C-alpha atoms as a PDB file:
ATOM      1  CA  MET A   1       9.295  25.835 -17.135  1.00  0.00           C
ATOM      2  CA  ALA A   2      12.698  24.917 -15.764  1.00  0.00           C
ATOM      3  CA  ALA A   3      13.278  23.524 -12.301  1.00  0.00           C
ATOM      4  CA  SER A   4      15.056  26.770 -11.450  1.00  0.00           C
ATOM      5  CA  ASP A   5      11.748  28.658 -12.006  1.00  0.00           C
ATOM      6  CA  ILE A   6       9.962  26.637  -9.322  1.00  0.00           C
ATOM      7  CA  GLY A   7      10.242  27.636  -5.669  1.00  0.00           C
ATOM      8  CA  ARG A   8      11.199  24.920  -3.184  1.00  0.00           C
ATOM      9  CA  ASN A   9       7.904  25.370  -1.335  1.00  0.00           C
ATOM     10  CA  ASP A  10       5.753  25.605  -4.484  1.00  0.00           C
ATOM     11  CA  PRO A  11       3.450  22.737  -5.524  1.00  0.00           C
ATOM     12  CA  CYS A  12       5.485  20.214  -7.509  1.00  0.00           C
ATOM     13  CA  PRO A  13       4.670  20.542 -11.226  1.00  0.00           C
ATOM     14  CA  CYS A  14       4.248  16.757 -11.505  1.00  0.00           C
ATOM     15  CA  GLY A  15       0.811  17.220  -9.907  1.00  0.00           C
ATOM     16  CA  SER A  16       1.474  15.128  -6.793  1.00  0.00           C
ATOM     17  CA  GLY A  17       0.287  17.906  -4.487  1.00  0.00           C
ATOM     18  CA  LYS A  18       3.541  17.717  -2.554  1.00  0.00           C
ATOM     19  CA  GLN A  19       5.908  20.641  -2.248  1.00  0.00           C
ATOM     20  CA  PHE A  20       8.596  20.651  -4.958  1.00  0.00           C
ATOM     21  CA  LYS A  21      11.358  20.145  -2.369  1.00  0.00           C
ATOM     22  CA  HIS A  22       9.670  16.965  -1.109  1.00  0.00           C
ATOM     23  CA  CYS A  23       8.970  15.503  -4.542  1.00  0.00           C
ATOM     24  CA  CYS A  24      10.802  15.845  -7.864  1.00  0.00           C
ATOM     25  CA  LEU A  25      13.540  18.149  -6.491  1.00  0.00           C
ATOM     26  CA  ARG A  26      14.270  15.605  -3.774  1.00  0.00           C
ATOM     27  CA  HIS A  27      14.676  12.845  -6.328  1.00  0.00           C
ATOM     28  CA  GLY A  28      16.477  14.991  -8.878  1.00  0.00           C
ATOM     29  CA  ARG A  29      13.989  14.230 -11.619  1.00  0.00           C
ATOM     30  CA  SER A  30      11.498  15.848 -13.942  1.00  0.00           C
ATOM     31  CA  ALA A  31       8.105  14.432 -14.824  1.00  0.00           C
ATOM     32  CA  PRO A  32       8.018  11.389 -17.167  1.00  0.00           C
ATOM     33  CA  SER A  33       7.260  12.161 -20.798  1.00  0.00           C
ATOM     34  CA  ASP A  34       3.820  10.563 -20.583  1.00  0.00           C
ATOM     35  CA  SER A  35       2.856  12.145 -17.252  1.00  0.00           C
ATOM     36  CA  PRO A  36       0.010  14.690 -17.030  1.00  0.00           C
ATOM     37  CA  ASN A  37       2.564  17.400 -16.288  1.00  0.00           C
ATOM     38  CA  ALA A  38       4.598  16.599 -19.427  1.00  0.00           C
ATOM     39  CA  VAL A  39       1.412  16.792 -21.495  1.00  0.00           C
ATOM     40  CA  ILE A  40       0.618  20.178 -19.943  1.00  0.00           C
ATOM     41  CA  MET A  41       4.125  21.452 -20.716  1.00  0.00           C
ATOM     42  CA  ASP A  42       3.778  20.345 -24.349  1.00  0.00           C
ATOM     43  CA  GLU A  43       0.437  22.155 -24.558  1.00  0.00           C
ATOM     44  CA  LEU A  44       2.007  25.302 -23.106  1.00  0.00           C
ATOM     45  CA  LYS A  45       4.835  25.187 -25.650  1.00  0.00           C
ATOM     46  CA  ARG A  46       2.361  24.845 -28.531  1.00  0.00           C
ATOM     47  CA  LYS A  47       0.255  27.719 -27.236  1.00  0.00           C
ATOM     48  CA  LEU A  48       3.238  30.012 -26.845  1.00  0.00           C
ATOM     49  CA  ALA A  49       4.637  29.054 -30.236  1.00  0.00           C
ATOM     50  CA  ALA A  50       1.370  30.122 -31.899  1.00  0.00           C
ATOM     51  CA  GLN A  51       1.546  33.652 -30.464  1.00  0.00           C
ATOM     52  CA  ASP A  52       3.744  36.701 -30.859  1.00  0.00           C
ATOM     53  CA  PHE A  53       4.788  38.576 -27.732  1.00  0.00           C
ATOM     54  CA  ALA A  54       5.915  42.173 -27.681  1.00  0.00           C
ATOM     55  CA  SER A  55       7.984  41.756 -24.535  1.00  0.00           C
ATOM     56  CA  GLU A  56       9.302  39.234 -22.037  1.00  0.00           C
ATOM     57  CA  ALA A  57       6.793  40.559 -19.508  1.00  0.00           C
ATOM     58  CA  GLU A  58       3.928  39.772 -21.902  1.00  0.00           C
ATOM     59  CA  LEU A  59       5.310  36.273 -22.393  1.00  0.00           C
ATOM     60  CA  GLN A  60       5.553  35.737 -18.635  1.00  0.00           C
ATOM     61  CA  THR A  61       1.961  36.921 -18.190  1.00  0.00           C
ATOM     62  CA  ALA A  62       0.775  34.347 -20.735  1.00  0.00           C
ATOM     63  CA  VAL A  63       2.747  31.601 -18.955  1.00  0.00           C
ATOM     64  CA  ASN A  64       1.349  32.636 -15.574  1.00  0.00           C
ATOM     65  CA  GLU A  65      -2.234  32.643 -16.858  1.00  0.00           C
ATOM     66  CA  PHE A  66      -1.802  29.242 -18.436  1.00  0.00           C
ATOM     67  CA  MET A  67      -0.247  27.710 -15.287  1.00  0.00           C
ATOM     68  CA  HIS A  68      -2.939  29.265 -13.095  1.00  0.00           C
ATOM     69  CA  GLY A  69      -5.586  27.579 -15.235  1.00  0.00           C
ATOM     70  CA  HIS A  70      -3.704  24.292 -15.040  1.00  0.00           C
ATOM     71  CA  ASN A  71      -3.243  24.477 -11.256  1.00  0.00           C
ATOM     72  CA  THR A  72      -6.905  25.300 -10.593  1.00  0.00           C
ATOM     73  CA  THR A  73      -8.482  22.725 -12.925  1.00  0.00           C
ATOM     74  CA  PRO A  74      -9.771  19.511 -11.288  1.00  0.00           C
ATOM     75  CA  ARG A  75      -8.070  16.366 -12.546  1.00  0.00           C
ATOM     76  CA  ASP A  76      -9.241  12.768 -12.487  1.00  0.00           C
ATOM     77  CA  ASP A  77      -5.733  11.537 -11.702  1.00  0.00           C
ATOM     78  CA  LEU A  78      -5.875  13.694  -8.543  1.00  0.00           C
ATOM     79  CA  ALA A  79      -9.198  12.170  -7.407  1.00  0.00           C
ATOM     80  CA  GLY A  80     -11.187  15.124  -8.748  1.00  0.00           C
ATOM     81  CA  LEU A  81      -9.040  17.807  -7.109  1.00  0.00           C
ATOM     82  CA  SER A  82      -6.950  20.468  -8.815  1.00  0.00           C
ATOM     83  CA  PRO A  83      -3.172  20.543  -8.206  1.00  0.00           C
ATOM     84  CA  GLU A  84      -3.637  23.652  -6.058  1.00  0.00           C
ATOM     85  CA  GLN A  85      -6.361  21.977  -3.986  1.00  0.00           C
ATOM     86  CA  MET A  86      -4.227  18.883  -3.504  1.00  0.00           C
ATOM     87  CA  HIS A  87      -1.316  21.073  -2.420  1.00  0.00           C
ATOM     88  CA  ARG A  88      -3.529  22.815   0.142  1.00  0.00           C
ATOM     89  CA  LEU A  89      -4.958  19.504   1.341  1.00  0.00           C
ATOM     90  CA  LEU A  90      -1.534  18.006   1.993  1.00  0.00           C
ATOM     91  CA  ASN A  91       0.383  21.028   3.241  1.00  0.00           C
ATOM     92  CA  HIS A  92      -2.134  23.491   4.722  1.00  0.00           C
ATOM     93  CA  PRO A  93      -5.292  21.571   5.712  1.00  0.00           C
ATOM     94  CA  PHE A  94      -6.063  23.805   8.714  1.00  0.00           C
ATOM     95  CA  ASP A  95      -5.473  27.030   6.786  1.00  0.00           C
ATOM     96  CA  SER A  96      -7.545  26.447   3.636  1.00  0.00           C
ATOM     97  CA  PRO A  97     -11.109  27.509   4.531  1.00  0.00           C
ATOM     98  CA  SER A  98     -12.146  27.782   0.889  1.00  0.00           C
ATOM     99  CA  LEU A  99     -11.500  24.043   0.540  1.00  0.00           C
ATOM    100  CA  LEU A 100     -12.177  22.504   3.962  1.00  0.00           C
ATOM    101  CA  SER A 101     -12.718  23.504   7.559  1.00  0.00           C
ATOM    102  CA  PHE A 102     -12.514  21.883  10.994  1.00  0.00           C
ATOM    103  CA  PRO A 103     -15.011  23.290  13.536  1.00  0.00           C
ATOM    104  CA  GLU A 104     -13.512  24.011  16.953  1.00  0.00           C
ATOM    105  CA  THR A 105     -16.652  22.655  18.642  1.00  0.00           C
ATOM    106  CA  LEU A 106     -18.829  19.859  17.294  1.00  0.00           C
ATOM    107  CA  GLU A 107     -22.592  20.088  17.069  1.00  0.00           C
ATOM    108  CA  SER A 108     -23.279  17.013  19.211  1.00  0.00           C
ATOM    109  CA  TYR A 109     -21.673  14.373  21.416  1.00  0.00           C
ATOM    110  CA  PRO A 110     -19.003  12.581  19.324  1.00  0.00           C
ATOM    111  CA  GLN A 111     -19.469   8.804  19.206  1.00  0.00           C
ATOM    112  CA  ALA A 112     -15.898   7.553  18.923  1.00  0.00           C
ATOM    113  CA  PRO A 113     -13.645   5.012  20.675  1.00  0.00           C
ATOM    114  CA  ILE A 114     -11.125   7.698  21.656  1.00  0.00           C
ATOM    115  CA  VAL A 115     -13.906   9.699  23.314  1.00  0.00           C
ATOM    116  CA  ILE A 116     -15.055   6.708  25.357  1.00  0.00           C
ATOM    117  CA  LEU A 117     -11.473   6.090  26.479  1.00  0.00           C
ATOM    118  CA  PHE A 118     -10.954   9.768  27.281  1.00  0.00           C
ATOM    119  CA  GLU A 119     -14.100   9.757  29.429  1.00  0.00           C
ATOM    120  CA  LEU A 120     -12.861   6.706  31.314  1.00  0.00           C
ATOM    121  CA  LEU A 121      -9.457   8.333  31.720  1.00  0.00           C
ATOM    122  CA  THR A 122     -10.866  11.590  33.100  1.00  0.00           C
ATOM    123  CA  ALA A 123     -13.155   9.668  35.452  1.00  0.00           C
ATOM    124  CA  GLY A 124     -10.147   7.724  36.752  1.00  0.00           C
ATOM    125  CA  ILE A 125      -8.122  10.888  37.261  1.00  0.00           C
ATOM    126  CA  GLY A 126     -10.992  12.679  38.975  1.00  0.00           C
ATOM    127  CA  GLU A 127     -10.153  15.348  41.546  1.00  0.00           C
ATOM    128  CA  LYS A 128      -7.283  13.489  43.203  1.00  0.00           C
ATOM    129  CA  GLY A 129      -5.366  12.464  40.098  1.00  0.00           C
ATOM    130  CA  LEU A 130      -3.739   9.142  39.207  1.00  0.00           C
ATOM    131  CA  LYS A 131      -0.291   8.144  40.371  1.00  0.00           C
ATOM    132  CA  PRO A 132       1.766   6.772  37.455  1.00  0.00           C
ATOM    133  CA  THR A 133       3.909   3.666  37.583  1.00  0.00           C
ATOM    134  CA  ALA A 134       7.695   3.823  37.893  1.00  0.00           C
ATOM    135  CA  THR A 135       7.845   3.864  34.070  1.00  0.00           C
ATOM    136  CA  GLY A 136       5.472   6.832  33.865  1.00  0.00           C
ATOM    137  CA  ASN A 137       2.407   4.912  32.647  1.00  0.00           C
ATOM    138  CA  LEU A 138      -1.114   4.562  34.003  1.00  0.00           C
ATOM    139  CA  PRO A 139      -1.549   2.198  36.988  1.00  0.00           C
ATOM    140  CA  ARG A 140      -2.079  -1.488  36.149  1.00  0.00           C
ATOM    141  CA  ASN A 141      -5.353  -1.849  38.064  1.00  0.00           C
ATOM    142  CA  PHE A 142      -6.791   1.209  36.335  1.00  0.00           C
ATOM    143  CA  CYS A 143      -5.829  -0.243  32.933  1.00  0.00           C
ATOM    144  CA  ARG A 144      -7.524  -3.553  33.742  1.00  0.00           C
ATOM    145  CA  GLU A 145     -10.684  -1.905  35.047  1.00  0.00           C
ATOM    146  CA  THR A 146     -10.825   0.384  32.021  1.00  0.00           C
ATOM    147  CA  ALA A 147     -10.307  -2.546  29.641  1.00  0.00           C
ATOM    148  CA  LEU A 148     -13.196  -4.438  31.266  1.00  0.00           C
ATOM    149  CA  GLU A 149     -15.533  -1.468  30.966  1.00  0.00           C
ATOM    150  CA  TYR A 150     -14.401  -0.591  27.432  1.00  0.00           C
ATOM    151  CA  TRP A 151     -14.509  -4.098  25.937  1.00  0.00           C
ATOM    152  CA  GLY A 152     -17.326  -5.551  28.032  1.00  0.00           C
ATOM    153  CA  SER A 153     -17.078  -8.747  30.060  1.00  0.00           C
ATOM    154  CA  ASP A 154     -17.461 -11.235  27.177  1.00  0.00           C
ATOM    155  CA  LEU A 155     -14.838  -9.668  24.907  1.00  0.00           C
ATOM    156  CA  TYR A 156     -12.595  -8.968  27.889  1.00  0.00           C
ATOM    157  CA  ARG A 157     -12.563 -12.658  28.830  1.00  0.00           C
ATOM    158  CA  GLN A 158     -11.711 -13.620  25.241  1.00  0.00           C
ATOM    159  CA  ILE A 159      -8.866 -11.126  25.081  1.00  0.00           C
ATOM    160  CA  ILE A 160      -7.256 -11.992  28.415  1.00  0.00           C
ATOM    161  CA  ARG A 161      -7.096 -15.650  27.386  1.00  0.00           C
ATOM    162  CA  ARG A 162      -4.558 -14.561  24.772  1.00  0.00           C
ATOM    163  CA  HIS A 163      -2.925 -11.608  26.470  1.00  0.00           C
ATOM    164  CA  SER A 164      -3.757  -9.971  29.779  1.00  0.00           C
ATOM    165  CA  PRO A 165      -3.466  -6.148  29.956  1.00  0.00           C
ATOM    166  CA  ASN A 166      -0.799  -6.023  32.646  1.00  0.00           C
ATOM    167  CA  SER A 167       0.257  -2.494  31.749  1.00  0.00           C
ATOM    168  CA  GLU A 168      -0.827   0.529  29.762  1.00  0.00           C
ATOM    169  CA  LEU A 169       1.314  -0.659  26.837  1.00  0.00           C
ATOM    170  CA  ASP A 170      -0.804  -3.819  26.633  1.00  0.00           C
ATOM    171  CA  PHE A 171      -3.885  -1.658  25.988  1.00  0.00           C
ATOM    172  CA  SER A 172      -2.653   0.332  23.003  1.00  0.00           C
ATOM    173  CA  ASP A 173      -5.810   2.409  22.404  1.00  0.00           C
ATOM    174  CA  LEU A 174      -5.783   3.620  26.006  1.00  0.00           C
ATOM    175  CA  HIS A 175      -2.036   4.296  25.782  1.00  0.00           C
ATOM    176  CA  VAL A 176      -2.517   6.355  22.617  1.00  0.00           C
ATOM    177  CA  THR A 177      -5.456   8.236  24.163  1.00  0.00           C
ATOM    178  CA  ARG A 178      -3.368   9.189  27.192  1.00  0.00           C
ATOM    179  CA  LEU A 179      -0.442  10.354  25.037  1.00  0.00           C
ATOM    180  CA  VAL A 180      -2.676  12.364  22.692  1.00  0.00           C
ATOM    181  CA  ALA A 181      -4.532  13.950  25.618  1.00  0.00           C
ATOM    182  CA  GLN A 182      -1.183  15.094  26.999  1.00  0.00           C
ATOM    183  CA  LEU A 183      -0.083  16.437  23.607  1.00  0.00           C
ATOM    184  CA  ALA A 184      -3.389  18.329  23.432  1.00  0.00           C
ATOM    185  CA  GLY A 185      -2.724  19.876  26.853  1.00  0.00           C
ATOM    186  CA  LEU A 186      -5.797  18.210  28.361  1.00  0.00           C
ATOM    187  CA  ILE A 187      -3.970  16.180  31.009  1.00  0.00           C
ATOM    188  CA  ARG A 188      -0.556  16.670  32.544  1.00  0.00           C
ATOM    189  CA  LYS A 189       1.648  15.460  35.350  1.00  0.00           C
ATOM    190  CA  TYR A 190       1.738  17.544  38.511  1.00  0.00           C
ATOM    191  CA  LYS A 191       3.446  16.590  41.781  1.00  0.00           C
ATOM    192  CA  GLY A 192       3.826  13.008  40.640  1.00  0.00           C
ATOM    193  CA  ARG A 193       0.244  12.474  39.483  1.00  0.00           C
ATOM    194  CA  PHE A 194      -1.775  12.667  36.255  1.00  0.00           C
ATOM    195  CA  ILE A 195      -4.265  15.533  36.580  1.00  0.00           C
ATOM    196  CA  LEU A 196      -6.720  17.326  34.296  1.00  0.00           C
ATOM    197  CA  SER A 197      -5.473  20.671  33.018  1.00  0.00           C
ATOM    198  CA  ARG A 198      -7.377  23.906  33.632  1.00  0.00           C
ATOM    199  CA  GLU A 199      -8.254  24.081  29.940  1.00  0.00           C
ATOM    200  CA  CYS A 200      -9.658  20.549  30.053  1.00  0.00           C
ATOM    201  CA  ARG A 201     -11.828  21.322  33.063  1.00  0.00           C
ATOM    202  CA  SER A 202     -13.031  24.532  31.442  1.00  0.00           C
ATOM    203  CA  LEU A 203     -13.937  22.709  28.214  1.00  0.00           C
ATOM    204  CA  LEU A 204     -15.740  19.940  30.083  1.00  0.00           C
ATOM    205  CA  ARG A 205     -17.794  22.519  31.996  1.00  0.00           C
ATOM    206  CA  GLY A 206     -18.559  24.458  28.832  1.00  0.00           C
ATOM    207  CA  SER A 207     -18.912  22.587  25.554  1.00  0.00           C
ATOM    208  CA  GLY A 208     -18.094  19.175  27.034  1.00  0.00           C
ATOM    209  CA  LEU A 209     -16.732  16.429  24.816  1.00  0.00           C
ATOM    210  CA  ALA A 210     -17.943  18.297  21.733  1.00  0.00           C
ATOM    211  CA  GLY A 211     -15.172  20.786  22.524  1.00  0.00           C
ATOM    212  CA  ILE A 212     -12.650  18.193  23.690  1.00  0.00           C
ATOM    213  CA  TYR A 213     -12.811  16.084  20.512  1.00  0.00           C
ATOM    214  CA  PRO A 214     -11.347  18.719  18.121  1.00  0.00           C
ATOM    215  CA  ARG A 215      -8.372  19.162  20.495  1.00  0.00           C
ATOM    216  CA  LEU A 216      -7.706  15.422  20.517  1.00  0.00           C
ATOM    217  CA  PHE A 217      -8.136  15.281  16.739  1.00  0.00           C
ATOM    218  CA  ARG A 218      -5.701  18.097  16.031  1.00  0.00           C
ATOM    219  CA  ALA A 219      -3.089  16.754  18.458  1.00  0.00           C
ATOM    220  CA  TYR A 220      -3.336  13.324  16.838  1.00  0.00           C
ATOM    221  CA  VAL A 221      -2.837  14.500  13.258  1.00  0.00           C
ATOM    222  CA  GLN A 222      -0.281  17.230  13.996  1.00  0.00           C
ATOM    223  CA  SER A 223       1.767  16.099  17.005  1.00  0.00           C
ATOM    224  CA  PHE A 224       1.381  12.366  17.597  1.00  0.00           C
ATOM    225  CA  ASN A 225       3.726  10.091  15.642  1.00  0.00           C
ATOM    226  CA  TRP A 226       1.597   7.662  13.622  1.00  0.00           C
ATOM    227  CA  ALA A 227       4.562   5.315  13.236  1.00  0.00           C
ATOM    228  CA  TYR A 228       4.611   4.734  16.992  1.00  0.00           C
ATOM    229  CA  LEU A 229       3.705   1.202  18.066  1.00  0.00           C
ATOM    230  CA  ASP A 230       3.546  -0.377  14.606  1.00  0.00           C
ATOM    231  CA  ILE A 231       5.995  -2.415  12.542  1.00  0.00           C
ATOM    232  CA  TYR A 232       6.115  -0.252   9.424  1.00  0.00           C
ATOM    233  CA  PRO A 233       8.859   2.217   8.453  1.00  0.00           C
ATOM    234  CA  GLU A 234       8.621   5.901   9.236  1.00  0.00           C
ATOM    235  CA  ASP A 235       6.509   7.485   6.500  1.00  0.00           C
ATOM    236  CA  GLY A 236       5.517  11.051   7.156  1.00  0.00           C
ATOM    237  CA  PHE A 237       3.461  11.267   3.982  1.00  0.00           C
ATOM    238  CA  ILE A 238       0.746   8.893   5.185  1.00  0.00           C
ATOM    239  CA  GLN A 239       0.217  11.062   8.242  1.00  0.00           C
ATOM    240  CA  SER A 240       0.413  14.355   6.342  1.00  0.00           C
ATOM    241  CA  SER A 241      -2.170  13.009   3.877  1.00  0.00           C
ATOM    242  CA  PHE A 242      -4.792  12.561   6.623  1.00  0.00           C
ATOM    243  CA  ALA A 243      -7.023  15.193   4.986  1.00  0.00           C
ATOM    244  CA  PHE A 244      -6.825  13.298   1.683  1.00  0.00           C
ATOM    245  CA  THR A 245      -8.107  10.206   3.517  1.00  0.00           C
ATOM    246  CA  LEU A 246     -10.959  12.292   4.949  1.00  0.00           C
ATOM    247  CA  TYR A 247     -11.678  13.561   1.436  1.00  0.00           C
ATOM    248  CA  LEU A 248     -11.860   9.995   0.089  1.00  0.00           C
ATOM    249  CA  LEU A 249     -14.164   8.924   2.924  1.00  0.00           C
ATOM    250  CA  THR A 250     -16.377  11.973   2.393  1.00  0.00           C
ATOM    251  CA  ARG A 251     -16.579  11.336  -1.330  1.00  0.00           C
ATOM    252  CA  HIS A 252     -16.889   7.541  -1.398  1.00  0.00           C
ATOM    253  CA  GLY A 253     -17.679   6.390   2.125  1.00  0.00           C
ATOM    254  CA  ALA A 254     -21.488   6.387   1.970  1.00  0.00           C
ATOM    255  CA  VAL A 255     -21.272   2.955   0.337  1.00  0.00           C
ATOM    256  CA  PRO A 256     -19.446   0.171   2.226  1.00  0.00           C
ATOM    257  CA  ARG A 257     -16.166  -0.455   0.408  1.00  0.00           C
ATOM    258  CA  SER A 258     -13.133  -2.636   0.879  1.00  0.00           C
ATOM    259  CA  ASN A 259     -10.014  -1.121   2.384  1.00  0.00           C
ATOM    260  CA  HIS A 260      -8.374  -2.136  -0.904  1.00  0.00           C
ATOM    261  CA  PHE A 261     -10.448   0.537  -2.658  1.00  0.00           C
ATOM    262  CA  TYR A 262      -8.853   3.253  -0.522  1.00  0.00           C
ATOM    263  CA  GLU A 263      -5.401   1.735  -0.969  1.00  0.00           C
ATOM    264  CA  ASP A 264      -5.971   1.726  -4.741  1.00  0.00           C
ATOM    265  CA  GLU A 265      -6.936   5.407  -4.691  1.00  0.00           C
ATOM    266  CA  LEU A 266      -3.842   6.309  -2.676  1.00  0.00           C
ATOM    267  CA  LEU A 267      -1.530   4.540  -5.128  1.00  0.00           C
ATOM    268  CA  ARG A 268      -3.407   5.811  -8.187  1.00  0.00           C
ATOM    269  CA  VAL A 269      -2.985   9.421  -7.092  1.00  0.00           C
ATOM    270  CA  PHE A 270       0.480   9.036  -5.530  1.00  0.00           C
ATOM    271  CA  PRO A 271       2.277   6.287  -7.476  1.00  0.00           C
ATOM    272  CA  GLN A 272       5.630   7.798  -6.513  1.00  0.00           C
ATOM    273  CA  LEU A 273       5.127   6.407  -2.992  1.00  0.00           C
ATOM    274  CA  LEU A 274       6.253   3.017  -4.291  1.00  0.00           C
ATOM    275  CA  ASP A 275       9.664   4.473  -5.149  1.00  0.00           C
ATOM    276  CA  GLU A 276      10.057   5.857  -1.642  1.00  0.00           C
ATOM    277  CA  GLN A 277       9.511   2.610   0.268  1.00  0.00           C
ATOM    278  CA  PRO A 278      12.606   0.969   1.778  1.00  0.00           C
ATOM    279  CA  MET A 279      13.520  -2.469   0.466  1.00  0.00           C
ATOM    280  CA  HIS A 280      12.064  -5.374   2.438  1.00  0.00           C
ATOM    281  CA  GLN A 281      13.172  -8.973   2.254  1.00  0.00           C
ATOM    282  CA  TYR A 282       9.732 -10.559   2.384  1.00  0.00           C
ATOM    283  CA  ILE A 283       7.122  -8.144   1.045  1.00  0.00           C
ATOM    284  CA  SER A 284       6.992  -5.823  -1.950  1.00  0.00           C
ATOM    285  CA  ALA A 285       6.888  -2.028  -1.742  1.00  0.00           C
ATOM    286  CA  GLU A 286       3.230  -2.115  -2.799  1.00  0.00           C
ATOM    287  CA  GLU A 287       2.247  -4.645  -0.131  1.00  0.00           C
ATOM    288  CA  GLN A 288       4.086  -2.589   2.463  1.00  0.00           C
ATOM    289  CA  ILE A 289       2.460   0.736   1.603  1.00  0.00           C
ATOM    290  CA  ARG A 290      -1.004  -0.846   1.362  1.00  0.00           C
ATOM    291  CA  ALA A 291      -0.766  -2.515   4.765  1.00  0.00           C
ATOM    292  CA  CYS A 292       0.732   0.595   6.357  1.00  0.00           C
ATOM    293  CA  TYR A 293      -1.977   2.867   4.931  1.00  0.00           C
ATOM    294  CA  THR A 294      -4.829   0.625   6.091  1.00  0.00           C
ATOM    295  CA  ARG A 295      -3.323   0.296   9.562  1.00  0.00           C
ATOM    296  CA  ARG A 296      -2.462   3.943  10.159  1.00  0.00           C
ATOM    297  CA  SER A 297      -5.064   5.879   8.185  1.00  0.00           C
ATOM    298  CA  LEU A 298      -8.127   3.645   8.360  1.00  0.00           C
ATOM    299  CA  SER A 299      -7.884   1.571  11.559  1.00  0.00           C
ATOM    300  CA  ASN A 300      -5.690   3.692  13.844  1.00  0.00           C
ATOM    301  CA  PHE A 301      -7.092   7.039  12.710  1.00  0.00           C
ATOM    302  CA  ALA A 302     -10.507   6.918  11.046  1.00  0.00           C
ATOM    303  CA  GLU A 303     -11.873   4.118  13.235  1.00  0.00           C
ATOM    304  CA  LEU A 304     -10.319   5.328  16.510  1.00  0.00           C
ATOM    305  CA  PHE A 305     -11.832   8.781  15.955  1.00  0.00           C
ATOM    306  CA  GLY A 306     -15.239   7.403  14.955  1.00  0.00           C
ATOM    307  CA  LEU A 307     -15.032   8.718  11.384  1.00  0.00           C
ATOM    308  CA  ALA A 308     -15.467   5.297   9.786  1.00  0.00           C
ATOM    309  CA  GLU A 309     -17.057   2.024  10.806  1.00  0.00           C
ATOM    310  CA  ILE A 310     -14.740  -0.864   9.985  1.00  0.00           C
ATOM    311  CA  ASN A 311     -15.605  -4.551   9.977  1.00  0.00           C
ATOM    312  CA  GLU A 312     -13.387  -7.509   9.177  1.00  0.00           C
ATOM    313  CA  LEU A 313     -14.306  -9.446   6.030  1.00  0.00           C
ATOM    314  CA  ASN A 314     -11.652 -12.109   6.605  1.00  0.00           C
ATOM    315  CA  ASP A 315      -8.657 -12.843   8.787  1.00  0.00           C
ATOM    316  CA  ASP A 316      -6.384 -14.021   5.984  1.00  0.00           C
ATOM    317  CA  PRO A 317      -2.877 -12.819   6.957  1.00  0.00           C
ATOM    318  CA  LEU A 318      -1.907 -12.655   3.258  1.00  0.00           C
ATOM    319  CA  ASP A 319      -4.939 -10.615   2.192  1.00  0.00           C
ATOM    320  CA  HIS A 320      -6.598  -9.078   5.230  1.00  0.00           C
ATOM    321  CA  GLU A 321      -9.727  -7.367   3.939  1.00  0.00           C
ATOM    322  CA  LEU A 322     -11.914  -4.871   5.778  1.00  0.00           C
ATOM    323  CA  GLN A 323     -15.229  -3.215   5.018  1.00  0.00           C
ATOM    324  CA  VAL A 324     -15.096   0.550   5.469  1.00  0.00           C
ATOM    325  CA  GLN A 325     -18.014   2.995   5.655  1.00  0.00           C
ATOM    326  CA  LYS A 326     -18.091   6.599   6.846  1.00  0.00           C
ATOM    327  CA  THR A 327     -20.090   7.619   9.907  1.00  0.00           C
ATOM    328  CA  PRO A 328     -22.286  10.721  10.428  1.00  0.00           C
ATOM    329  CA  LEU A 329     -19.552  12.130  12.699  1.00  0.00           C
ATOM    330  CA  LEU A 330     -17.272  12.682   9.690  1.00  0.00           C
ATOM    331  CA  ARG A 331     -19.513  15.492   8.425  1.00  0.00           C
ATOM    332  CA  GLU A 332     -19.235  17.272  11.791  1.00  0.00           C
ATOM    333  CA  VAL A 333     -15.466  16.924  12.094  1.00  0.00           C
ATOM    334  CA  VAL A 334     -14.495  18.113   8.605  1.00  0.00           C
ATOM    335  CA  ARG A 335     -16.495  20.106   6.069  1.00  0.00           C
ATOM    336  CA  PHE A 336     -15.386  20.080   2.462  1.00  0.00           C
ATOM    337  CA  ASN A 337     -16.673  22.923   0.337  1.00  0.00           C
ATOM    338  CA  SER A 338     -16.184  21.159  -2.994  1.00  0.00           C
ATOM    339  CA  VAL A 339     -17.521  17.634  -2.288  1.00  0.00           C
END
């Protein structure tokens, strides 16, 4: 199959799950001779060579049937998914009900840090609203009071010895919660104050936080920039692969595992990510992608949304290791039909 036979938006034949335009077409390459795709192409050639076809249409039908079988067959190098499933997971996670689904309302109260912070934020806004600072952020006193309630007095005292939360930007989880709530249309600015939107009030009266959580979740994965507030390069793939991370946690998260396990799986399935990392003077491409994935996908996403419990195993700056285990909330937030 020539590159000209593949649509720009089709799954890349290398099996990455990415669209062709974002993978091999972008890099002007074909699959390596020892790649799974090259093996499949060799098998197709042998199969076609062993048959006689009465017409070009008959030949094309045979090719289509073969490729359909290839694209729908689970593969170990794709973490047990087929190329078609991986394509859906990466590019159409909210529109692939045969593979996974995201309920619009959860079955119970969601235990998650972002929910706690959202509750504190809505309580602070109340009926009168909150007047932002000159820079458009939450008031300093509100941030300090929220930090004390969120962290508890003992942890709060430890934290302020190192760095006092003098502004919303000093309390990054609260800052992110406020931004995501705005992106979700749950809070907005009106006449110079932060207020709760009509939709937010309606949801709180109806399904409560079980209905609020899916709105925050969707805004975070679709609209919020995961590269915001960290030191790593822009990398849209890590964010667009959020459903792959949820798949890994669903499949492997019952047993506590190191964050390195999830990094290994990411690089095993998507080794081409190493070629896409910008050069860095002090750390390798692999070290960069590993640290970025753990920060954005595990800590800033899975832990913030209560989908994984994460504990530090060491504080070694050269090999920071975490213990990761899925929570019961994960099963409510996303439902995989093939896991």
